[in-house]
Amino acid sequence: MRLHPELETYRDRLVERAGAWPDTPEVDLRRDLAQCEAQTALLEKGIDALRARLESGPATESEVLAHRVSVQEQMRDLTAAYAEVLRRHVEKLPAKA
């Protein structure tokens, strides 16, 4: 899969955030995880709405809408993947006494 150019900066930010996990307090990691899960859900709703517009909209908008759907799907997938890896990282943190 080829990443849309408009998402390269977003991907790079996620990589930077992941690199900071060892120095990030657990409470902040858990907050980040919750925000990513919420963002993934919002992206999914947006994708559904865009797909509905694509199916019912005029043919003149179909190329633009199809591209927007693809970009949103990739953003959702990047966010969900980041959240999954973060979830696994948090689960491996030592239990607090």
PDB file of N, CA and C in Angstrom:
ATOM      1  N   MET A   1       0.838  -1.176   0.000  1.00  0.00           N
ATOM      2  CA  MET A   1       0.000   0.000   0.000  1.00  0.00           C
ATOM      3  C   MET A   1       0.885   1.242   0.000  1.00  0.00           C
ATOM      4  N   ARG A   2       0.521   2.193  -0.807  1.00  0.00           N
ATOM      5  CA  ARG A   2       1.252   3.444  -0.896  1.00  0.00           C
ATOM      6  C   ARG A   2       0.521   4.497  -0.057  1.00  0.00           C
ATOM      7  N   LEU A   3       1.256   5.157   0.799  1.00  0.00           N
ATOM      8  CA  LEU A   3       0.693   6.178   1.680  1.00  0.00           C
ATOM      9  C   LEU A   3       0.453   7.465   0.891  1.00  0.00           C
ATOM     10  N   HIS A   4      -0.716   8.063   1.093  1.00  0.00           N
ATOM     11  CA  HIS A   4      -1.003   9.344   0.453  1.00  0.00           C
ATOM     12  C   HIS A   4      -0.009  10.386   0.973  1.00  0.00           C
ATOM     13  N   PRO A   5       0.527  11.220   0.083  1.00  0.00           N
ATOM     14  CA  PRO A   5       1.516  12.223   0.505  1.00  0.00           C
ATOM     15  C   PRO A   5       1.028  13.132   1.628  1.00  0.00           C
ATOM     16  N   GLU A   6      -0.273  13.425   1.647  1.00  0.00           N
ATOM     17  CA  GLU A   6      -0.794  14.321   2.670  1.00  0.00           C
ATOM     18  C   GLU A   6      -0.789  13.690   4.063  1.00  0.00           C
ATOM     19  N   LEU A   7      -0.476  12.400   4.147  1.00  0.00           N
ATOM     20  CA  LEU A   7      -0.438  11.730   5.452  1.00  0.00           C
ATOM     21  C   LEU A   7       0.982  11.431   5.931  1.00  0.00           C
ATOM     22  N   GLU A   8       1.971  11.764   5.156  1.00  0.00           N
ATOM     23  CA  GLU A   8       3.357  11.464   5.546  1.00  0.00           C
ATOM     24  C   GLU A   8       3.758  12.194   6.828  1.00  0.00           C
ATOM     25  N   THR A   9       3.375  13.446   6.952  1.00  0.00           N
ATOM     26  CA  THR A   9       3.694  14.215   8.158  1.00  0.00           C
ATOM     27  C   THR A   9       2.975  13.624   9.364  1.00  0.00           C
ATOM     28  N   TYR A  10       1.734  13.226   9.179  1.00  0.00           N
ATOM     29  CA  TYR A  10       0.966  12.607  10.259  1.00  0.00           C
ATOM     30  C   TYR A  10       1.657  11.323  10.724  1.00  0.00           C
ATOM     31  N   ARG A  11       2.055  10.482   9.776  1.00  0.00           N
ATOM     32  CA  ARG A  11       2.768   9.248  10.110  1.00  0.00           C
ATOM     33  C   ARG A  11       4.046   9.563  10.886  1.00  0.00           C
ATOM     34  N   ASP A  12       4.796  10.559  10.424  1.00  0.00           N
ATOM     35  CA  ASP A  12       6.042  10.921  11.097  1.00  0.00           C
ATOM     36  C   ASP A  12       5.793  11.392  12.532  1.00  0.00           C
ATOM     37  N   ARG A  13       4.703  12.137  12.746  1.00  0.00           N
ATOM     38  CA  ARG A  13       4.361  12.579  14.115  1.00  0.00           C
ATOM     39  C   ARG A  13       4.045  11.388  15.005  1.00  0.00           C
ATOM     40  N   LEU A  14       3.330  10.405  14.466  1.00  0.00           N
ATOM     41  CA  LEU A  14       3.027   9.207  15.256  1.00  0.00           C
ATOM     42  C   LEU A  14       4.305   8.469  15.629  1.00  0.00           C
ATOM     43  N   VAL A  15       5.231   8.386  14.708  1.00  0.00           N
ATOM     44  CA  VAL A  15       6.515   7.713  14.981  1.00  0.00           C
ATOM     45  C   VAL A  15       7.273   8.467  16.076  1.00  0.00           C
ATOM     46  N   GLU A  16       7.271   9.799  16.011  1.00  0.00           N
ATOM     47  CA  GLU A  16       7.934  10.600  17.051  1.00  0.00           C
ATOM     48  C   GLU A  16       7.284  10.379  18.411  1.00  0.00           C
ATOM     49  N   ARG A  17       5.953  10.370  18.429  1.00  0.00           N
ATOM     50  CA  ARG A  17       5.240  10.137  19.691  1.00  0.00           C
ATOM     51  C   ARG A  17       5.587   8.771  20.261  1.00  0.00           C
ATOM     52  N   ALA A  18       5.637   7.767  19.415  1.00  0.00           N
ATOM     53  CA  ALA A  18       5.980   6.419  19.883  1.00  0.00           C
ATOM     54  C   ALA A  18       7.403   6.387  20.439  1.00  0.00           C
ATOM     55  N   GLY A  19       8.286   7.133  19.834  1.00  0.00           N
ATOM     56  CA  GLY A  19       9.665   7.182  20.323  1.00  0.00           C
ATOM     57  C   GLY A  19       9.786   7.791  21.713  1.00  0.00           C
ATOM     58  N   ALA A  20       8.810   8.595  22.084  1.00  0.00           N
ATOM     59  CA  ALA A  20       8.834   9.249  23.400  1.00  0.00           C
ATOM     60  C   ALA A  20       8.168   8.420  24.487  1.00  0.00           C
ATOM     61  N   TRP A  21       7.558   7.304  24.146  1.00  0.00           N
ATOM     62  CA  TRP A  21       6.844   6.506  25.150  1.00  0.00           C
ATOM     63  C   TRP A  21       7.674   6.139  26.368  1.00  0.00           C
ATOM     64  N   PRO A  22       8.934   5.734  26.211  1.00  0.00           N
ATOM     65  CA  PRO A  22       9.689   5.341  27.414  1.00  0.00           C
ATOM     66  C   PRO A  22       9.805   6.452  28.451  1.00  0.00           C
ATOM     67  N   ASP A  23       9.751   7.707  28.008  1.00  0.00           N
ATOM     68  CA  ASP A  23       9.892   8.835  28.927  1.00  0.00           C
ATOM     69  C   ASP A  23       8.559   9.479  29.288  1.00  0.00           C
ATOM     70  N   THR A  24       7.472   8.874  28.855  1.00  0.00           N
ATOM     71  CA  THR A  24       6.146   9.455  29.060  1.00  0.00           C
ATOM     72  C   THR A  24       5.450   8.771  30.235  1.00  0.00           C
ATOM     73  N   PRO A  25       4.888   9.543  31.156  1.00  0.00           N
ATOM     74  CA  PRO A  25       4.173   8.936  32.282  1.00  0.00           C
ATOM     75  C   PRO A  25       3.005   8.073  31.789  1.00  0.00           C
ATOM     76  N   GLU A  26       2.739   7.006  32.525  1.00  0.00           N
ATOM     77  CA  GLU A  26       1.685   6.074  32.137  1.00  0.00           C
ATOM     78  C   GLU A  26       0.336   6.759  31.971  1.00  0.00           C
ATOM     79  N   VAL A  27       0.026   7.695  32.831  1.00  0.00           N
ATOM     80  CA  VAL A  27      -1.262   8.380  32.742  1.00  0.00           C
ATOM     81  C   VAL A  27      -1.389   9.105  31.400  1.00  0.00           C
ATOM     82  N   ASP A  28      -0.301   9.674  30.918  1.00  0.00           N
ATOM     83  CA  ASP A  28      -0.322  10.360  29.624  1.00  0.00           C
ATOM     84  C   ASP A  28      -0.451   9.357  28.470  1.00  0.00           C
ATOM     85  N   LEU A  29       0.189   8.209  28.620  1.00  0.00           N
ATOM     86  CA  LEU A  29       0.073   7.162  27.597  1.00  0.00           C
ATOM     87  C   LEU A  29      -1.370   6.665  27.501  1.00  0.00           C
ATOM     88  N   ARG A  30      -1.982   6.465  28.643  1.00  0.00           N
ATOM     89  CA  ARG A  30      -3.377   5.994  28.647  1.00  0.00           C
ATOM     90  C   ARG A  30      -4.319   7.058  28.067  1.00  0.00           C
ATOM     91  N   ARG A  31      -4.043   8.312  28.339  1.00  0.00           N
ATOM     92  CA  ARG A  31      -4.845   9.402  27.767  1.00  0.00           C
ATOM     93  C   ARG A  31      -4.669   9.422  26.244  1.00  0.00           C
ATOM     94  N   ASP A  32      -3.445   9.270  25.796  1.00  0.00           N
ATOM     95  CA  ASP A  32      -3.162   9.231  24.360  1.00  0.00           C
ATOM     96  C   ASP A  32      -3.903   8.069  23.703  1.00  0.00           C
ATOM     97  N   LEU A  33      -3.895   6.920  24.360  1.00  0.00           N
ATOM     98  CA  LEU A  33      -4.589   5.746  23.839  1.00  0.00           C
ATOM     99  C   LEU A  33      -6.086   6.008  23.719  1.00  0.00           C
ATOM    100  N   ALA A  34      -6.677   6.579  24.744  1.00  0.00           N
ATOM    101  CA  ALA A  34      -8.115   6.878  24.705  1.00  0.00           C
ATOM    102  C   ALA A  34      -8.437   7.878  23.597  1.00  0.00           C
ATOM    103  N   GLN A  35      -7.593   8.881  23.429  1.00  0.00           N
ATOM    104  CA  GLN A  35      -7.813   9.859  22.372  1.00  0.00           C
ATOM    105  C   GLN A  35      -7.703   9.216  20.990  1.00  0.00           C
ATOM    106  N   CYS A  36      -6.753   8.323  20.815  1.00  0.00           N
ATOM    107  CA  CYS A  36      -6.591   7.638  19.530  1.00  0.00           C
ATOM    108  C   CYS A  36      -7.792   6.745  19.229  1.00  0.00           C
ATOM    109  N   GLU A  37      -8.284   6.073  20.241  1.00  0.00           N
ATOM    110  CA  GLU A  37      -9.465   5.220  20.035  1.00  0.00           C
ATOM    111  C   GLU A  37     -10.674   6.068  19.662  1.00  0.00           C
ATOM    112  N   ALA A  38     -10.840   7.215  20.307  1.00  0.00           N
ATOM    113  CA  ALA A  38     -11.949   8.112  19.975  1.00  0.00           C
ATOM    114  C   ALA A  38     -11.776   8.680  18.570  1.00  0.00           C
ATOM    115  N   GLN A  39     -10.566   9.032  18.234  1.00  0.00           N
ATOM    116  CA  GLN A  39     -10.292   9.573  16.900  1.00  0.00           C
ATOM    117  C   GLN A  39     -10.577   8.525  15.827  1.00  0.00           C
ATOM    118  N   THR A  40     -10.208   7.284  16.077  1.00  0.00           N
ATOM    119  CA  THR A  40     -10.480   6.203  15.132  1.00  0.00           C
ATOM    120  C   THR A  40     -11.983   6.051  14.911  1.00  0.00           C
ATOM    121  N   ALA A  41     -12.747   6.108  15.978  1.00  0.00           N
ATOM    122  CA  ALA A  41     -14.206   5.997  15.860  1.00  0.00           C
ATOM    123  C   ALA A  41     -14.785   7.166  15.068  1.00  0.00           C
ATOM    124  N   LEU A  42     -14.293   8.375  15.312  1.00  0.00           N
ATOM    125  CA  LEU A  42     -14.765   9.539  14.564  1.00  0.00           C
ATOM    126  C   LEU A  42     -14.404   9.442  13.086  1.00  0.00           C
ATOM    127  N   LEU A  43     -13.208   8.974  12.817  1.00  0.00           N
ATOM    128  CA  LEU A  43     -12.798   8.799  11.423  1.00  0.00           C
ATOM    129  C   LEU A  43     -13.697   7.786  10.727  1.00  0.00           C
ATOM    130  N   GLU A  44     -14.041   6.721  11.424  1.00  0.00           N
ATOM    131  CA  GLU A  44     -14.926   5.700  10.844  1.00  0.00           C
ATOM    132  C   GLU A  44     -16.286   6.302  10.491  1.00  0.00           C
ATOM    133  N   LYS A  45     -16.831   7.123  11.379  1.00  0.00           N
ATOM    134  CA  LYS A  45     -18.104   7.788  11.092  1.00  0.00           C
ATOM    135  C   LYS A  45     -17.973   8.708   9.878  1.00  0.00           C
ATOM    136  N   GLY A  46     -16.877   9.439   9.826  1.00  0.00           N
ATOM    137  CA  GLY A  46     -16.647  10.333   8.694  1.00  0.00           C
ATOM    138  C   GLY A  46     -16.522   9.578   7.384  1.00  0.00           C
ATOM    139  N   ILE A  47     -15.855   8.449   7.433  1.00  0.00           N
ATOM    140  CA  ILE A  47     -15.707   7.612   6.237  1.00  0.00           C
ATOM    141  C   ILE A  47     -17.074   7.124   5.770  1.00  0.00           C
ATOM    142  N   ASP A  48     -17.891   6.686   6.708  1.00  0.00           N
ATOM    143  CA  ASP A  48     -19.243   6.229   6.357  1.00  0.00           C
ATOM    144  C   ASP A  48     -20.035   7.351   5.687  1.00  0.00           C
ATOM    145  N   ALA A  49     -19.929   8.554   6.233  1.00  0.00           N
ATOM    146  CA  ALA A  49     -20.652   9.694   5.662  1.00  0.00           C
ATOM    147  C   ALA A  49     -20.133  10.029   4.268  1.00  0.00           C
ATOM    148  N   LEU A  50     -18.817   9.991   4.097  1.00  0.00           N
ATOM    149  CA  LEU A  50     -18.248  10.269   2.782  1.00  0.00           C
ATOM    150  C   LEU A  50     -18.653   9.205   1.762  1.00  0.00           C
ATOM    151  N   ARG A  51     -18.669   7.956   2.187  1.00  0.00           N
ATOM    152  CA  ARG A  51     -19.093   6.877   1.280  1.00  0.00           C
ATOM    153  C   ARG A  51     -20.549   7.066   0.851  1.00  0.00           C
ATOM    154  N   ALA A  52     -21.396   7.482   1.786  1.00  0.00           N
ATOM    155  CA  ALA A  52     -22.804   7.730   1.452  1.00  0.00           C
ATOM    156  C   ALA A  52     -22.908   8.864   0.440  1.00  0.00           C
ATOM    157  N   ARG A  53     -22.139   9.918   0.643  1.00  0.00           N
ATOM    158  CA  ARG A  53     -22.134  11.031  -0.322  1.00  0.00           C
ATOM    159  C   ARG A  53     -21.617  10.578  -1.677  1.00  0.00           C
ATOM    160  N   LEU A  54     -20.599   9.724  -1.655  1.00  0.00           N
ATOM    161  CA  LEU A  54     -20.019   9.213  -2.895  1.00  0.00           C
ATOM    162  C   LEU A  54     -21.053   8.413  -3.683  1.00  0.00           C
ATOM    163  N   GLU A  55     -21.817   7.597  -2.977  1.00  0.00           N
ATOM    164  CA  GLU A  55     -22.817   6.752  -3.630  1.00  0.00           C
ATOM    165  C   GLU A  55     -24.006   7.546  -4.152  1.00  0.00           C
ATOM    166  N   SER A  56     -24.382   8.601  -3.443  1.00  0.00           N
ATOM    167  CA  SER A  56     -25.585   9.337  -3.828  1.00  0.00           C
ATOM    168  C   SER A  56     -25.298  10.664  -4.520  1.00  0.00           C
ATOM    169  N   GLY A  57     -24.050  11.081  -4.510  1.00  0.00           N
ATOM    170  CA  GLY A  57     -23.705  12.387  -5.064  1.00  0.00           C
ATOM    171  C   GLY A  57     -23.549  12.372  -6.568  1.00  0.00           C
ATOM    172  N   PRO A  58     -23.370  13.561  -7.111  1.00  0.00           N
ATOM    173  CA  PRO A  58     -23.182  13.673  -8.548  1.00  0.00           C
ATOM    174  C   PRO A  58     -21.848  13.072  -9.003  1.00  0.00           C
ATOM    175  N   ALA A  59     -21.857  12.560 -10.196  1.00  0.00           N
ATOM    176  CA  ALA A  59     -20.657  11.925 -10.742  1.00  0.00           C
ATOM    177  C   ALA A  59     -19.484  12.897 -10.832  1.00  0.00           C
ATOM    178  N   THR A  60     -19.781  14.172 -10.950  1.00  0.00           N
ATOM    179  CA  THR A  60     -18.714  15.170 -11.061  1.00  0.00           C
ATOM    180  C   THR A  60     -17.875  15.259  -9.791  1.00  0.00           C
ATOM    181  N   GLU A  61     -18.435  14.858  -8.653  1.00  0.00           N
ATOM    182  CA  GLU A  61     -17.704  14.890  -7.380  1.00  0.00           C
ATOM    183  C   GLU A  61     -17.074  13.554  -7.019  1.00  0.00           C
ATOM    184  N   SER A  62     -17.338  12.530  -7.792  1.00  0.00           N
ATOM    185  CA  SER A  62     -16.944  11.185  -7.380  1.00  0.00           C
ATOM    186  C   SER A  62     -15.436  11.015  -7.225  1.00  0.00           C
ATOM    187  N   GLU A  63     -14.643  11.592  -8.100  1.00  0.00           N
ATOM    188  CA  GLU A  63     -13.191  11.436  -7.997  1.00  0.00           C
ATOM    189  C   GLU A  63     -12.653  12.106  -6.738  1.00  0.00           C
ATOM    190  N   VAL A  64     -13.136  13.311  -6.470  1.00  0.00           N
ATOM    191  CA  VAL A  64     -12.698  14.050  -5.274  1.00  0.00           C
ATOM    192  C   VAL A  64     -13.126  13.304  -4.014  1.00  0.00           C
ATOM    193  N   LEU A  65     -14.369  12.851  -3.975  1.00  0.00           N
ATOM    194  CA  LEU A  65     -14.865  12.142  -2.793  1.00  0.00           C
ATOM    195  C   LEU A  65     -14.156  10.806  -2.608  1.00  0.00           C
ATOM    196  N   ALA A  66     -13.895  10.101  -3.690  1.00  0.00           N
ATOM    197  CA  ALA A  66     -13.183   8.817  -3.592  1.00  0.00           C
ATOM    198  C   ALA A  66     -11.793   9.031  -3.002  1.00  0.00           C
ATOM    199  N   HIS A  67     -11.123  10.104  -3.398  1.00  0.00           N
ATOM    200  CA  HIS A  67      -9.796  10.409  -2.846  1.00  0.00           C
ATOM    201  C   HIS A  67      -9.914  10.731  -1.357  1.00  0.00           C
ATOM    202  N   ARG A  68     -10.907  11.527  -0.978  1.00  0.00           N
ATOM    203  CA  ARG A  68     -11.095  11.873   0.436  1.00  0.00           C
ATOM    204  C   ARG A  68     -11.370  10.628   1.270  1.00  0.00           C
ATOM    205  N   VAL A  69     -12.176   9.710   0.732  1.00  0.00           N
ATOM    206  CA  VAL A  69     -12.450   8.457   1.439  1.00  0.00           C
ATOM    207  C   VAL A  69     -11.145   7.694   1.639  1.00  0.00           C
ATOM    208  N   SER A  70     -10.352   7.602   0.601  1.00  0.00           N
ATOM    209  CA  SER A  70      -9.090   6.864   0.686  1.00  0.00           C
ATOM    210  C   SER A  70      -8.137   7.481   1.714  1.00  0.00           C
ATOM    211  N   VAL A  71      -8.041   8.802   1.708  1.00  0.00           N
ATOM    212  CA  VAL A  71      -7.177   9.493   2.679  1.00  0.00           C
ATOM    213  C   VAL A  71      -7.676   9.240   4.099  1.00  0.00           C
ATOM    214  N   GLN A  72      -8.989   9.371   4.309  1.00  0.00           N
ATOM    215  CA  GLN A  72      -9.553   9.160   5.640  1.00  0.00           C
ATOM    216  C   GLN A  72      -9.365   7.707   6.095  1.00  0.00           C
ATOM    217  N   GLU A  73      -9.489   6.770   5.178  1.00  0.00           N
ATOM    218  CA  GLU A  73      -9.275   5.361   5.530  1.00  0.00           C
ATOM    219  C   GLU A  73      -7.832   5.129   5.963  1.00  0.00           C
ATOM    220  N   GLN A  74      -6.897   5.717   5.240  1.00  0.00           N
ATOM    221  CA  GLN A  74      -5.495   5.559   5.630  1.00  0.00           C
ATOM    222  C   GLN A  74      -5.208   6.224   6.972  1.00  0.00           C
ATOM    223  N   MET A  75      -5.799   7.388   7.206  1.00  0.00           N
ATOM    224  CA  MET A  75      -5.601   8.057   8.498  1.00  0.00           C
ATOM    225  C   MET A  75      -6.172   7.197   9.619  1.00  0.00           C
ATOM    226  N   ARG A  76      -7.357   6.639   9.388  1.00  0.00           N
ATOM    227  CA  ARG A  76      -7.965   5.744  10.377  1.00  0.00           C
ATOM    228  C   ARG A  76      -7.058   4.543  10.635  1.00  0.00           C
ATOM    229  N   ASP A  77      -6.526   3.960   9.574  1.00  0.00           N
ATOM    230  CA  ASP A  77      -5.669   2.786   9.722  1.00  0.00           C
ATOM    231  C   ASP A  77      -4.371   3.118  10.455  1.00  0.00           C
ATOM    232  N   LEU A  78      -3.777   4.258  10.141  1.00  0.00           N
ATOM    233  CA  LEU A  78      -2.559   4.679  10.850  1.00  0.00           C
ATOM    234  C   LEU A  78      -2.845   4.904  12.332  1.00  0.00           C
ATOM    235  N   THR A  79      -3.942   5.586  12.618  1.00  0.00           N
ATOM    236  CA  THR A  79      -4.310   5.878  14.004  1.00  0.00           C
ATOM    237  C   THR A  79      -4.620   4.597  14.765  1.00  0.00           C
ATOM    238  N   ALA A  80      -5.355   3.688  14.132  1.00  0.00           N
ATOM    239  CA  ALA A  80      -5.697   2.421  14.781  1.00  0.00           C
ATOM    240  C   ALA A  80      -4.448   1.576  15.029  1.00  0.00           C
ATOM    241  N   ALA A  81      -3.522   1.577  14.083  1.00  0.00           N
ATOM    242  CA  ALA A  81      -2.279   0.809  14.260  1.00  0.00           C
ATOM    243  C   ALA A  81      -1.455   1.398  15.404  1.00  0.00           C
ATOM    244  N   TYR A  82      -1.350   2.724  15.443  1.00  0.00           N
ATOM    245  CA  TYR A  82      -0.635   3.386  16.535  1.00  0.00           C
ATOM    246  C   TYR A  82      -1.282   3.031  17.874  1.00  0.00           C
ATOM    247  N   ALA A  83      -2.616   3.085  17.928  1.00  0.00           N
ATOM    248  CA  ALA A  83      -3.324   2.771  19.167  1.00  0.00           C
ATOM    249  C   ALA A  83      -3.076   1.329  19.593  1.00  0.00           C
ATOM    250  N   GLU A  84      -3.062   0.420  18.654  1.00  0.00           N
ATOM    251  CA  GLU A  84      -2.833  -0.993  18.991  1.00  0.00           C
ATOM    252  C   GLU A  84      -1.434  -1.203  19.561  1.00  0.00           C
ATOM    253  N   VAL A  85      -0.447  -0.601  18.941  1.00  0.00           N
ATOM    254  CA  VAL A  85       0.925  -0.744  19.441  1.00  0.00           C
ATOM    255  C   VAL A  85       1.056  -0.062  20.805  1.00  0.00           C
ATOM    256  N   LEU A  86       0.420   1.085  20.973  1.00  0.00           N
ATOM    257  CA  LEU A  86       0.437   1.769  22.270  1.00  0.00           C
ATOM    258  C   LEU A  86      -0.252   0.923  23.328  1.00  0.00           C
ATOM    259  N   ARG A  87      -1.376   0.315  22.991  1.00  0.00           N
ATOM    260  CA  ARG A  87      -2.087  -0.555  23.936  1.00  0.00           C
ATOM    261  C   ARG A  87      -1.154  -1.680  24.409  1.00  0.00           C
ATOM    262  N   ARG A  88      -0.453  -2.290  23.471  1.00  0.00           N
ATOM    263  CA  ARG A  88       0.476  -3.374  23.834  1.00  0.00           C
ATOM    264  C   ARG A  88       1.603  -2.871  24.705  1.00  0.00           C
ATOM    265  N   HIS A  89       2.088  -1.668  24.433  1.00  0.00           N
ATOM    266  CA  HIS A  89       3.150  -1.076  25.246  1.00  0.00           C
ATOM    267  C   HIS A  89       2.652  -0.835  26.674  1.00  0.00           C
ATOM    268  N   VAL A  90       1.462  -0.270  26.801  1.00  0.00           N
ATOM    269  CA  VAL A  90       0.901   0.027  28.124  1.00  0.00           C
ATOM    270  C   VAL A  90       0.670  -1.260  28.902  1.00  0.00           C
ATOM    271  N   GLU A  91       0.190  -2.294  28.230  1.00  0.00           N
ATOM    272  CA  GLU A  91      -0.060  -3.572  28.903  1.00  0.00           C
ATOM    273  C   GLU A  91       1.207  -4.193  29.457  1.00  0.00           C
ATOM    274  N   LYS A  92       2.348  -3.878  28.877  1.00  0.00           N
ATOM    275  CA  LYS A  92       3.627  -4.449  29.328  1.00  0.00           C
ATOM    276  C   LYS A  92       4.312  -3.617  30.398  1.00  0.00           C
ATOM    277  N   LEU A  93       3.737  -2.469  30.735  1.00  0.00           N
ATOM    278  CA  LEU A  93       4.326  -1.639  31.785  1.00  0.00           C
ATOM    279  C   LEU A  93       4.229  -2.368  33.118  1.00  0.00           C
ATOM    280  N   PRO A  94       5.216  -2.183  33.962  1.00  0.00           N
ATOM    281  CA  PRO A  94       5.171  -2.843  35.278  1.00  0.00           C
ATOM    282  C   PRO A  94       3.956  -2.369  36.078  1.00  0.00           C
ATOM    283  N   ALA A  95       3.364  -3.283  36.785  1.00  0.00           N
ATOM    284  CA  ALA A  95       2.193  -2.955  37.623  1.00  0.00           C
ATOM    285  C   ALA A  95       2.633  -2.055  38.761  1.00  0.00           C
ATOM    286  N   LYS A  96       1.768  -1.096  39.072  1.00  0.00           N
ATOM    287  CA  LYS A  96       2.071  -0.196  40.191  1.00  0.00           C
ATOM    288  C   LYS A  96       1.778  -0.905  41.499  1.00  0.00           C
ATOM    289  N   ALA A  97       2.598  -0.637  42.476  1.00  0.00           N
ATOM    290  CA  ALA A  97       2.440  -1.273  43.795  1.00  0.00           C
ATOM    291  C   ALA A  97       1.337  -0.643  44.587  1.00  0.00           C
TER     292      ALA A  97
END
